[in-house]
């Protein structure tokens, strides 16, 4: 029990943990106070353009694509899927691009390949189980008279 407490104390003393908590809280506030209302405003403006002009505003569409890429970065950081800090600590993403450092890409590729290996083995196990169940069902339908006499 004391080892767990010591480990907890060591974790709480790590400056990198507190930096992460600070940045996470900051980006959570940014997301809720600025980004969500901005998205709603952009939706209303785009709807107004569609109603009155009969077509969407291309400048607003370009801005929307960049905002979507930025939101993906912010949410990735908030949900701990990446350690990559979003703008203003790194470049603002262009339209359709998501800035992820190479190490995050490598980690995600390793995770994907490990999960693919696990799912492949799970599929083999389930296929083997299905084959066994089918054999048992066939044996039950045949009954005792269908067993080979030797």
N, C-alpha and C. Protein backbone atom coordinates (compact mmCIF):
# COMPACT_ATOMS: atom_id res chain seq x y z
N UNK A 1 0.82 -1.19 0.00
CA UNK A 1 0.00 0.00 0.00
C UNK A 1 0.87 1.26 0.00
N UNK A 2 1.95 1.24 0.78
CA UNK A 2 2.81 2.41 0.84
C UNK A 2 3.54 2.64 -0.48
N UNK A 3 3.80 1.55 -1.25
CA UNK A 3 4.42 1.70 -2.57
C UNK A 3 3.51 2.47 -3.51
N UNK A 4 2.21 2.20 -3.42
CA UNK A 4 1.25 2.91 -4.27
C UNK A 4 1.19 4.38 -3.90
N UNK A 5 1.25 4.66 -2.62
CA UNK A 5 1.22 6.06 -2.17
C UNK A 5 2.50 6.77 -2.61
N UNK A 6 3.64 6.09 -2.48
CA UNK A 6 4.90 6.68 -2.93
C UNK A 6 4.87 6.96 -4.43
N UNK A 7 4.30 6.03 -5.19
CA UNK A 7 4.21 6.22 -6.64
C UNK A 7 3.29 7.40 -6.96
N UNK A 8 2.19 7.52 -6.24
CA UNK A 8 1.27 8.65 -6.44
C UNK A 8 1.96 9.96 -6.12
N UNK A 9 2.71 10.00 -5.02
CA UNK A 9 3.42 11.22 -4.64
C UNK A 9 4.46 11.58 -5.71
N UNK A 10 5.18 10.57 -6.20
CA UNK A 10 6.16 10.83 -7.26
C UNK A 10 5.49 11.38 -8.51
N UNK A 11 4.34 10.83 -8.87
CA UNK A 11 3.60 11.32 -10.05
C UNK A 11 3.17 12.77 -9.85
N UNK A 12 2.72 13.09 -8.64
CA UNK A 12 2.26 14.45 -8.36
C UNK A 12 3.40 15.46 -8.33
N UNK A 13 4.61 15.00 -8.11
CA UNK A 13 5.77 15.89 -8.07
C UNK A 13 6.36 16.16 -9.45
N UNK A 14 5.90 15.43 -10.46
CA UNK A 14 6.45 15.62 -11.81
C UNK A 14 5.97 16.93 -12.42
N UNK A 15 6.90 17.82 -12.79
CA UNK A 15 6.50 19.10 -13.40
C UNK A 15 5.79 18.91 -14.74
N UNK A 16 6.18 17.89 -15.50
CA UNK A 16 5.56 17.68 -16.80
C UNK A 16 4.07 17.37 -16.67
N UNK A 17 3.70 16.69 -15.60
CA UNK A 17 2.28 16.40 -15.36
C UNK A 17 1.50 17.69 -15.11
N UNK A 18 2.07 18.57 -14.30
CA UNK A 18 1.37 19.81 -13.99
C UNK A 18 1.31 20.74 -15.20
N UNK A 19 2.35 20.71 -16.04
CA UNK A 19 2.29 21.49 -17.28
C UNK A 19 1.16 20.98 -18.15
N UNK A 20 1.06 19.65 -18.26
CA UNK A 20 0.00 19.05 -19.09
C UNK A 20 -1.37 19.44 -18.55
N UNK A 21 -1.55 19.39 -17.23
CA UNK A 21 -2.83 19.76 -16.62
C UNK A 21 -3.15 21.22 -16.92
N UNK A 22 -2.15 22.08 -16.77
CA UNK A 22 -2.34 23.51 -17.04
C UNK A 22 -2.76 23.75 -18.49
N UNK A 23 -2.02 23.14 -19.45
CA UNK A 23 -2.36 23.32 -20.85
C UNK A 23 -3.73 22.71 -21.19
N UNK A 24 -4.05 21.58 -20.59
CA UNK A 24 -5.34 20.95 -20.85
C UNK A 24 -6.48 21.84 -20.38
N UNK A 25 -6.35 22.40 -19.18
CA UNK A 25 -7.39 23.31 -18.69
C UNK A 25 -7.51 24.55 -19.56
N UNK A 26 -6.37 25.08 -20.00
CA UNK A 26 -6.38 26.26 -20.86
C UNK A 26 -7.07 26.00 -22.19
N UNK A 27 -6.73 24.89 -22.82
CA UNK A 27 -7.36 24.57 -24.10
C UNK A 27 -8.83 24.18 -23.92
N UNK A 28 -9.19 23.61 -22.78
CA UNK A 28 -10.61 23.30 -22.53
C UNK A 28 -11.41 24.59 -22.42
N UNK A 29 -10.85 25.58 -21.73
CA UNK A 29 -11.52 26.88 -21.65
C UNK A 29 -11.62 27.54 -23.02
N UNK A 30 -10.52 27.51 -23.77
CA UNK A 30 -10.52 28.07 -25.12
C UNK A 30 -11.59 27.40 -25.98
N UNK A 31 -11.67 26.10 -25.88
CA UNK A 31 -12.63 25.34 -26.68
C UNK A 31 -14.06 25.75 -26.34
N UNK A 32 -14.39 25.80 -25.05
CA UNK A 32 -15.77 26.08 -24.63
C UNK A 32 -16.15 27.54 -24.75
N UNK A 33 -15.24 28.44 -24.46
CA UNK A 33 -15.59 29.86 -24.42
C UNK A 33 -15.49 30.53 -25.79
N UNK A 34 -14.53 30.10 -26.60
CA UNK A 34 -14.31 30.79 -27.88
C UNK A 34 -14.69 29.93 -29.08
N UNK A 35 -14.20 28.70 -29.13
CA UNK A 35 -14.36 27.91 -30.36
C UNK A 35 -15.80 27.46 -30.61
N UNK A 36 -16.49 26.99 -29.58
CA UNK A 36 -17.87 26.53 -29.78
C UNK A 36 -18.77 27.69 -30.24
N UNK A 37 -18.73 28.86 -29.57
CA UNK A 37 -19.54 29.97 -30.10
C UNK A 37 -19.13 30.41 -31.50
N UNK A 38 -17.83 30.34 -31.80
CA UNK A 38 -17.37 30.70 -33.14
C UNK A 38 -17.95 29.75 -34.18
N UNK A 39 -17.97 28.47 -33.88
CA UNK A 39 -18.55 27.49 -34.80
C UNK A 39 -20.03 27.78 -35.02
N UNK A 40 -20.75 28.04 -33.95
CA UNK A 40 -22.18 28.35 -34.08
C UNK A 40 -22.40 29.62 -34.91
N UNK A 41 -21.59 30.63 -34.69
CA UNK A 41 -21.69 31.87 -35.48
C UNK A 41 -21.42 31.59 -36.96
N UNK A 42 -20.40 30.78 -37.23
CA UNK A 42 -20.08 30.46 -38.63
C UNK A 42 -21.20 29.67 -39.29
N UNK A 43 -21.85 28.80 -38.53
CA UNK A 43 -22.99 28.04 -39.07
C UNK A 43 -24.10 29.01 -39.46
N UNK A 44 -24.42 29.94 -38.56
CA UNK A 44 -25.49 30.89 -38.84
C UNK A 44 -25.17 31.77 -40.05
N UNK A 45 -23.93 32.23 -40.15
CA UNK A 45 -23.54 33.09 -41.27
C UNK A 45 -23.60 32.29 -42.58
N UNK A 46 -23.13 31.05 -42.55
CA UNK A 46 -23.15 30.23 -43.77
C UNK A 46 -24.60 29.93 -44.20
N UNK A 47 -25.47 29.68 -43.22
CA UNK A 47 -26.89 29.47 -43.53
C UNK A 47 -27.49 30.73 -44.14
N UNK A 48 -27.15 31.88 -43.58
CA UNK A 48 -27.66 33.15 -44.12
C UNK A 48 -27.18 33.35 -45.56
N UNK A 49 -25.90 33.08 -45.83
CA UNK A 49 -25.39 33.19 -47.19
C UNK A 49 -26.15 32.25 -48.12
N UNK A 50 -26.39 31.03 -47.66
CA UNK A 50 -27.10 30.06 -48.50
C UNK A 50 -28.52 30.52 -48.80
N UNK A 51 -29.18 31.11 -47.80
CA UNK A 51 -30.55 31.56 -48.01
C UNK A 51 -30.64 32.78 -48.92
N UNK A 52 -29.78 33.77 -48.66
CA UNK A 52 -29.91 35.03 -49.38
C UNK A 52 -29.14 35.07 -50.69
N UNK A 53 -28.00 34.44 -50.77
CA UNK A 53 -27.20 34.47 -51.99
C UNK A 53 -27.43 33.24 -52.86
N UNK A 54 -28.02 32.21 -52.28
CA UNK A 54 -28.29 31.00 -53.05
C UNK A 54 -27.10 30.06 -53.15
N UNK A 55 -25.98 30.43 -52.55
CA UNK A 55 -24.80 29.57 -52.56
C UNK A 55 -23.97 29.84 -51.31
N UNK A 56 -23.09 28.90 -51.00
CA UNK A 56 -22.27 29.08 -49.81
C UNK A 56 -21.12 30.04 -50.09
N UNK A 57 -20.62 30.66 -49.05
CA UNK A 57 -19.52 31.60 -49.16
C UNK A 57 -18.21 30.81 -49.17
N UNK A 58 -17.43 30.95 -50.23
CA UNK A 58 -16.20 30.16 -50.38
C UNK A 58 -15.14 30.56 -49.35
N UNK A 59 -15.07 31.85 -49.01
CA UNK A 59 -14.10 32.28 -47.99
C UNK A 59 -14.43 31.67 -46.63
N UNK A 60 -15.70 31.65 -46.32
CA UNK A 60 -16.13 31.06 -45.04
C UNK A 60 -15.92 29.55 -45.05
N UNK A 61 -16.08 28.92 -46.20
CA UNK A 61 -15.82 27.48 -46.32
C UNK A 61 -14.34 27.18 -46.09
N UNK A 62 -13.46 27.99 -46.65
CA UNK A 62 -12.02 27.81 -46.44
C UNK A 62 -11.67 27.98 -44.95
N UNK A 63 -12.23 29.01 -44.34
CA UNK A 63 -11.99 29.22 -42.91
C UNK A 63 -12.54 28.05 -42.10
N UNK A 64 -13.69 27.53 -42.50
CA UNK A 64 -14.29 26.39 -41.80
C UNK A 64 -13.39 25.16 -41.86
N UNK A 65 -12.77 24.91 -43.02
CA UNK A 65 -11.86 23.76 -43.15
C UNK A 65 -10.66 23.91 -42.22
N UNK A 66 -10.12 25.12 -42.13
CA UNK A 66 -8.99 25.36 -41.22
C UNK A 66 -9.43 25.21 -39.77
N UNK A 67 -10.62 25.69 -39.45
CA UNK A 67 -11.12 25.58 -38.09
C UNK A 67 -11.36 24.13 -37.70
N UNK A 68 -11.85 23.34 -38.63
CA UNK A 68 -12.06 21.91 -38.37
C UNK A 68 -10.72 21.23 -38.05
N UNK A 69 -9.69 21.54 -38.84
CA UNK A 69 -8.37 20.96 -38.58
C UNK A 69 -7.85 21.39 -37.22
N UNK A 70 -8.09 22.65 -36.85
CA UNK A 70 -7.66 23.14 -35.54
C UNK A 70 -8.44 22.46 -34.42
N UNK A 71 -9.74 22.29 -34.61
CA UNK A 71 -10.56 21.63 -33.60
C UNK A 71 -10.11 20.19 -33.37
N UNK A 72 -9.71 19.51 -34.45
CA UNK A 72 -9.20 18.15 -34.33
C UNK A 72 -7.93 18.15 -33.48
N UNK A 73 -7.05 19.12 -33.71
CA UNK A 73 -5.83 19.21 -32.91
C UNK A 73 -6.14 19.48 -31.45
N UNK A 74 -7.05 20.41 -31.19
CA UNK A 74 -7.40 20.75 -29.80
C UNK A 74 -8.03 19.55 -29.11
N UNK A 75 -8.98 18.91 -29.77
CA UNK A 75 -9.63 17.74 -29.16
C UNK A 75 -8.64 16.59 -28.95
N UNK A 76 -7.74 16.40 -29.88
CA UNK A 76 -6.72 15.36 -29.72
C UNK A 76 -5.87 15.63 -28.49
N UNK A 77 -5.52 16.89 -28.27
CA UNK A 77 -4.73 17.24 -27.09
C UNK A 77 -5.56 17.08 -25.82
N UNK A 78 -6.80 17.55 -25.85
CA UNK A 78 -7.66 17.46 -24.66
C UNK A 78 -7.95 16.01 -24.27
N UNK A 79 -8.09 15.14 -25.25
CA UNK A 79 -8.44 13.75 -24.99
C UNK A 79 -7.21 12.84 -24.85
N UNK A 80 -6.03 13.47 -24.78
CA UNK A 80 -4.77 12.76 -24.54
C UNK A 80 -4.43 11.76 -25.65
N UNK A 81 -4.89 11.99 -26.87
CA UNK A 81 -4.49 11.12 -27.97
C UNK A 81 -3.17 11.58 -28.57
N UNK A 82 -2.75 12.81 -28.22
CA UNK A 82 -1.47 13.33 -28.69
C UNK A 82 -0.91 14.29 -27.64
N UNK A 83 0.39 14.44 -27.66
CA UNK A 83 1.06 15.42 -26.80
C UNK A 83 1.37 16.69 -27.58
N UNK A 84 0.98 16.72 -28.83
CA UNK A 84 1.21 17.87 -29.72
C UNK A 84 0.31 19.02 -29.28
N UNK A 85 0.93 20.11 -28.82
CA UNK A 85 0.14 21.27 -28.39
C UNK A 85 -0.33 22.04 -29.62
N UNK A 86 -1.61 22.37 -29.66
CA UNK A 86 -2.16 23.13 -30.80
C UNK A 86 -1.65 24.58 -30.83
N UNK A 87 -2.05 25.31 -31.87
CA UNK A 87 -1.77 26.73 -31.99
C UNK A 87 -2.22 27.42 -30.71
N UNK A 88 -1.50 28.31 -30.13
CA UNK A 88 -0.38 29.12 -30.60
C UNK A 88 1.00 28.53 -30.28
N UNK A 89 1.06 27.33 -29.75
CA UNK A 89 2.34 26.73 -29.41
C UNK A 89 2.98 26.03 -30.60
N UNK A 90 2.23 25.78 -31.63
CA UNK A 90 2.72 25.22 -32.89
C UNK A 90 2.00 25.94 -34.02
N UNK A 91 2.34 25.61 -35.25
CA UNK A 91 1.73 26.28 -36.40
C UNK A 91 0.23 26.00 -36.47
N UNK A 92 -0.50 27.00 -36.98
CA UNK A 92 -1.92 26.82 -37.21
C UNK A 92 -2.09 25.91 -38.42
N UNK A 93 -2.96 24.92 -38.34
CA UNK A 93 -3.10 23.99 -39.46
C UNK A 93 -3.74 24.66 -40.66
N UNK A 94 -3.27 24.25 -41.84
CA UNK A 94 -3.88 24.72 -43.08
C UNK A 94 -5.15 23.92 -43.33
N UNK A 95 -5.87 24.25 -44.38
CA UNK A 95 -7.11 23.54 -44.66
C UNK A 95 -6.80 22.09 -45.03
N UNK A 96 -7.49 21.18 -44.37
CA UNK A 96 -7.36 19.77 -44.67
C UNK A 96 -6.12 19.10 -44.10
N UNK A 97 -5.26 19.85 -43.41
CA UNK A 97 -4.07 19.22 -42.84
C UNK A 97 -4.16 19.24 -41.32
N UNK A 98 -3.66 18.20 -40.73
CA UNK A 98 -3.64 18.11 -39.28
C UNK A 98 -2.19 17.92 -38.88
N UNK A 99 -1.68 18.84 -38.07
CA UNK A 99 -0.29 18.77 -37.65
C UNK A 99 -0.12 17.76 -36.54
N UNK A 100 0.56 16.66 -36.85
CA UNK A 100 0.92 15.71 -35.81
C UNK A 100 2.38 15.40 -35.97
N UNK A 101 3.12 15.44 -34.87
CA UNK A 101 4.54 15.13 -34.97
C UNK A 101 4.76 13.68 -35.37
N UNK A 102 5.93 13.40 -35.92
CA UNK A 102 6.23 12.05 -36.42
C UNK A 102 6.12 11.00 -35.33
N UNK A 103 6.52 11.34 -34.11
CA UNK A 103 6.46 10.33 -33.05
C UNK A 103 5.03 9.91 -32.74
N UNK A 104 4.08 10.85 -32.80
CA UNK A 104 2.68 10.48 -32.58
C UNK A 104 2.18 9.58 -33.70
N UNK A 105 2.61 9.86 -34.94
CA UNK A 105 2.20 9.03 -36.07
C UNK A 105 2.75 7.63 -35.90
N UNK A 106 4.03 7.53 -35.50
CA UNK A 106 4.65 6.22 -35.31
C UNK A 106 3.93 5.46 -34.20
N UNK A 107 3.64 6.15 -33.07
CA UNK A 107 2.92 5.50 -31.98
C UNK A 107 1.55 5.01 -32.43
N UNK A 108 0.84 5.82 -33.20
CA UNK A 108 -0.48 5.41 -33.63
C UNK A 108 -0.40 4.24 -34.61
N UNK A 109 0.63 4.23 -35.47
CA UNK A 109 0.80 3.10 -36.39
C UNK A 109 1.10 1.82 -35.63
N UNK A 110 1.93 1.91 -34.59
CA UNK A 110 2.23 0.73 -33.77
C UNK A 110 0.97 0.25 -33.09
N UNK A 111 0.20 1.17 -32.54
CA UNK A 111 -1.05 0.79 -31.88
C UNK A 111 -2.00 0.12 -32.85
N UNK A 112 -2.10 0.68 -34.07
CA UNK A 112 -2.99 0.09 -35.07
C UNK A 112 -2.55 -1.31 -35.45
N UNK A 113 -1.23 -1.49 -35.64
CA UNK A 113 -0.77 -2.81 -36.04
C UNK A 113 -0.96 -3.82 -34.93
N UNK A 114 -0.75 -3.39 -33.66
CA UNK A 114 -0.99 -4.31 -32.54
C UNK A 114 -2.46 -4.68 -32.44
N UNK A 115 -3.34 -3.69 -32.61
CA UNK A 115 -4.77 -3.99 -32.52
C UNK A 115 -5.21 -4.84 -33.69
N UNK A 116 -4.59 -4.65 -34.86
CA UNK A 116 -4.93 -5.48 -36.02
C UNK A 116 -4.51 -6.92 -35.77
N UNK A 117 -3.34 -7.12 -35.15
CA UNK A 117 -2.89 -8.47 -34.84
C UNK A 117 -3.83 -9.12 -33.84
N UNK A 118 -4.27 -8.37 -32.84
CA UNK A 118 -5.19 -8.91 -31.85
C UNK A 118 -6.51 -9.26 -32.50
N UNK A 119 -7.02 -8.38 -33.38
CA UNK A 119 -8.31 -8.67 -34.02
C UNK A 119 -8.20 -9.86 -34.96
N UNK A 120 -7.03 -10.01 -35.64
CA UNK A 120 -6.84 -11.19 -36.50
C UNK A 120 -6.87 -12.47 -35.69
N UNK A 121 -6.19 -12.46 -34.54
CA UNK A 121 -6.19 -13.68 -33.71
C UNK A 121 -7.58 -13.92 -33.13
N UNK A 122 -8.30 -12.84 -32.78
CA UNK A 122 -9.67 -12.99 -32.29
C UNK A 122 -10.56 -13.59 -33.36
N UNK A 123 -10.37 -13.16 -34.63
CA UNK A 123 -11.18 -13.71 -35.73
C UNK A 123 -10.90 -15.19 -35.90
N UNK A 124 -9.61 -15.58 -35.81
CA UNK A 124 -9.28 -16.99 -35.97
C UNK A 124 -9.91 -17.82 -34.86
N UNK A 125 -9.84 -17.30 -33.63
CA UNK A 125 -10.44 -18.02 -32.51
C UNK A 125 -11.93 -18.14 -32.69
N UNK A 126 -12.59 -17.05 -33.14
CA UNK A 126 -14.04 -17.12 -33.32
C UNK A 126 -14.40 -18.04 -34.47
N UNK A 127 -13.58 -18.06 -35.55
CA UNK A 127 -13.85 -18.97 -36.66
C UNK A 127 -13.70 -20.42 -36.22
N UNK A 128 -12.67 -20.69 -35.40
CA UNK A 128 -12.48 -22.05 -34.90
C UNK A 128 -13.65 -22.45 -34.00
N UNK A 129 -14.11 -21.51 -33.18
CA UNK A 129 -15.26 -21.79 -32.31
C UNK A 129 -16.52 -22.05 -33.11
N UNK A 130 -16.70 -21.28 -34.20
CA UNK A 130 -17.86 -21.49 -35.06
C UNK A 130 -17.81 -22.87 -35.71
N UNK A 131 -16.63 -23.24 -36.17
CA UNK A 131 -16.48 -24.55 -36.82
C UNK A 131 -16.79 -25.68 -35.82
N UNK A 132 -16.34 -25.53 -34.58
CA UNK A 132 -16.64 -26.54 -33.57
C UNK A 132 -18.14 -26.63 -33.30
N UNK A 133 -18.79 -25.46 -33.21
CA UNK A 133 -20.24 -25.46 -32.96
C UNK A 133 -21.00 -26.09 -34.12
N UNK A 134 -20.55 -25.80 -35.34
CA UNK A 134 -21.21 -26.40 -36.50
C UNK A 134 -21.04 -27.92 -36.49
N UNK A 135 -19.84 -28.38 -36.15
CA UNK A 135 -19.61 -29.83 -36.07
C UNK A 135 -20.48 -30.47 -35.00
N UNK A 136 -20.59 -29.81 -33.84
CA UNK A 136 -21.43 -30.35 -32.77
C UNK A 136 -22.89 -30.40 -33.20
N UNK A 137 -23.35 -29.34 -33.89
CA UNK A 137 -24.73 -29.31 -34.34
C UNK A 137 -24.99 -30.41 -35.36
N UNK A 138 -24.03 -30.62 -36.26
CA UNK A 138 -24.17 -31.68 -37.26
C UNK A 138 -24.20 -33.04 -36.58
N UNK A 139 -23.35 -33.26 -35.60
CA UNK A 139 -23.33 -34.53 -34.88
C UNK A 139 -24.66 -34.77 -34.16
N UNK A 140 -25.24 -33.72 -33.58
CA UNK A 140 -26.51 -33.87 -32.87
C UNK A 140 -27.62 -34.23 -33.85
N UNK A 141 -27.58 -33.64 -35.06
CA UNK A 141 -28.62 -33.93 -36.05
C UNK A 141 -28.51 -35.36 -36.56
N UNK A 142 -27.29 -35.85 -36.67
CA UNK A 142 -27.10 -37.22 -37.15
C UNK A 142 -27.59 -38.24 -36.12
N UNK A 143 -27.40 -37.93 -34.88
CA UNK A 143 -27.84 -38.84 -33.81
C UNK A 143 -26.86 -39.99 -33.62
N UNK A 144 -27.15 -40.91 -32.71
CA UNK A 144 -26.21 -41.97 -32.39
C UNK A 144 -26.09 -43.00 -33.50
N UNK A 145 -27.07 -43.15 -34.37
CA UNK A 145 -26.99 -44.17 -35.42
C UNK A 145 -26.03 -43.78 -36.52
N UNK A 146 -25.67 -42.51 -36.62
CA UNK A 146 -24.80 -42.04 -37.69
C UNK A 146 -23.32 -42.21 -37.34
N UNK A 147 -23.01 -42.67 -36.15
CA UNK A 147 -21.61 -42.85 -35.79
C UNK A 147 -21.05 -44.07 -36.50
N UNK A 148 -19.80 -44.00 -36.94
CA UNK A 148 -19.24 -45.11 -37.70
C UNK A 148 -19.10 -46.37 -36.84
N UNK A 149 -19.38 -47.47 -37.43
CA UNK A 149 -19.25 -48.76 -36.75
C UNK A 149 -17.90 -49.35 -37.15
N UNK A 150 -17.12 -49.74 -36.22
CA UNK A 150 -15.81 -50.16 -36.61
C UNK A 150 -15.46 -51.46 -36.15
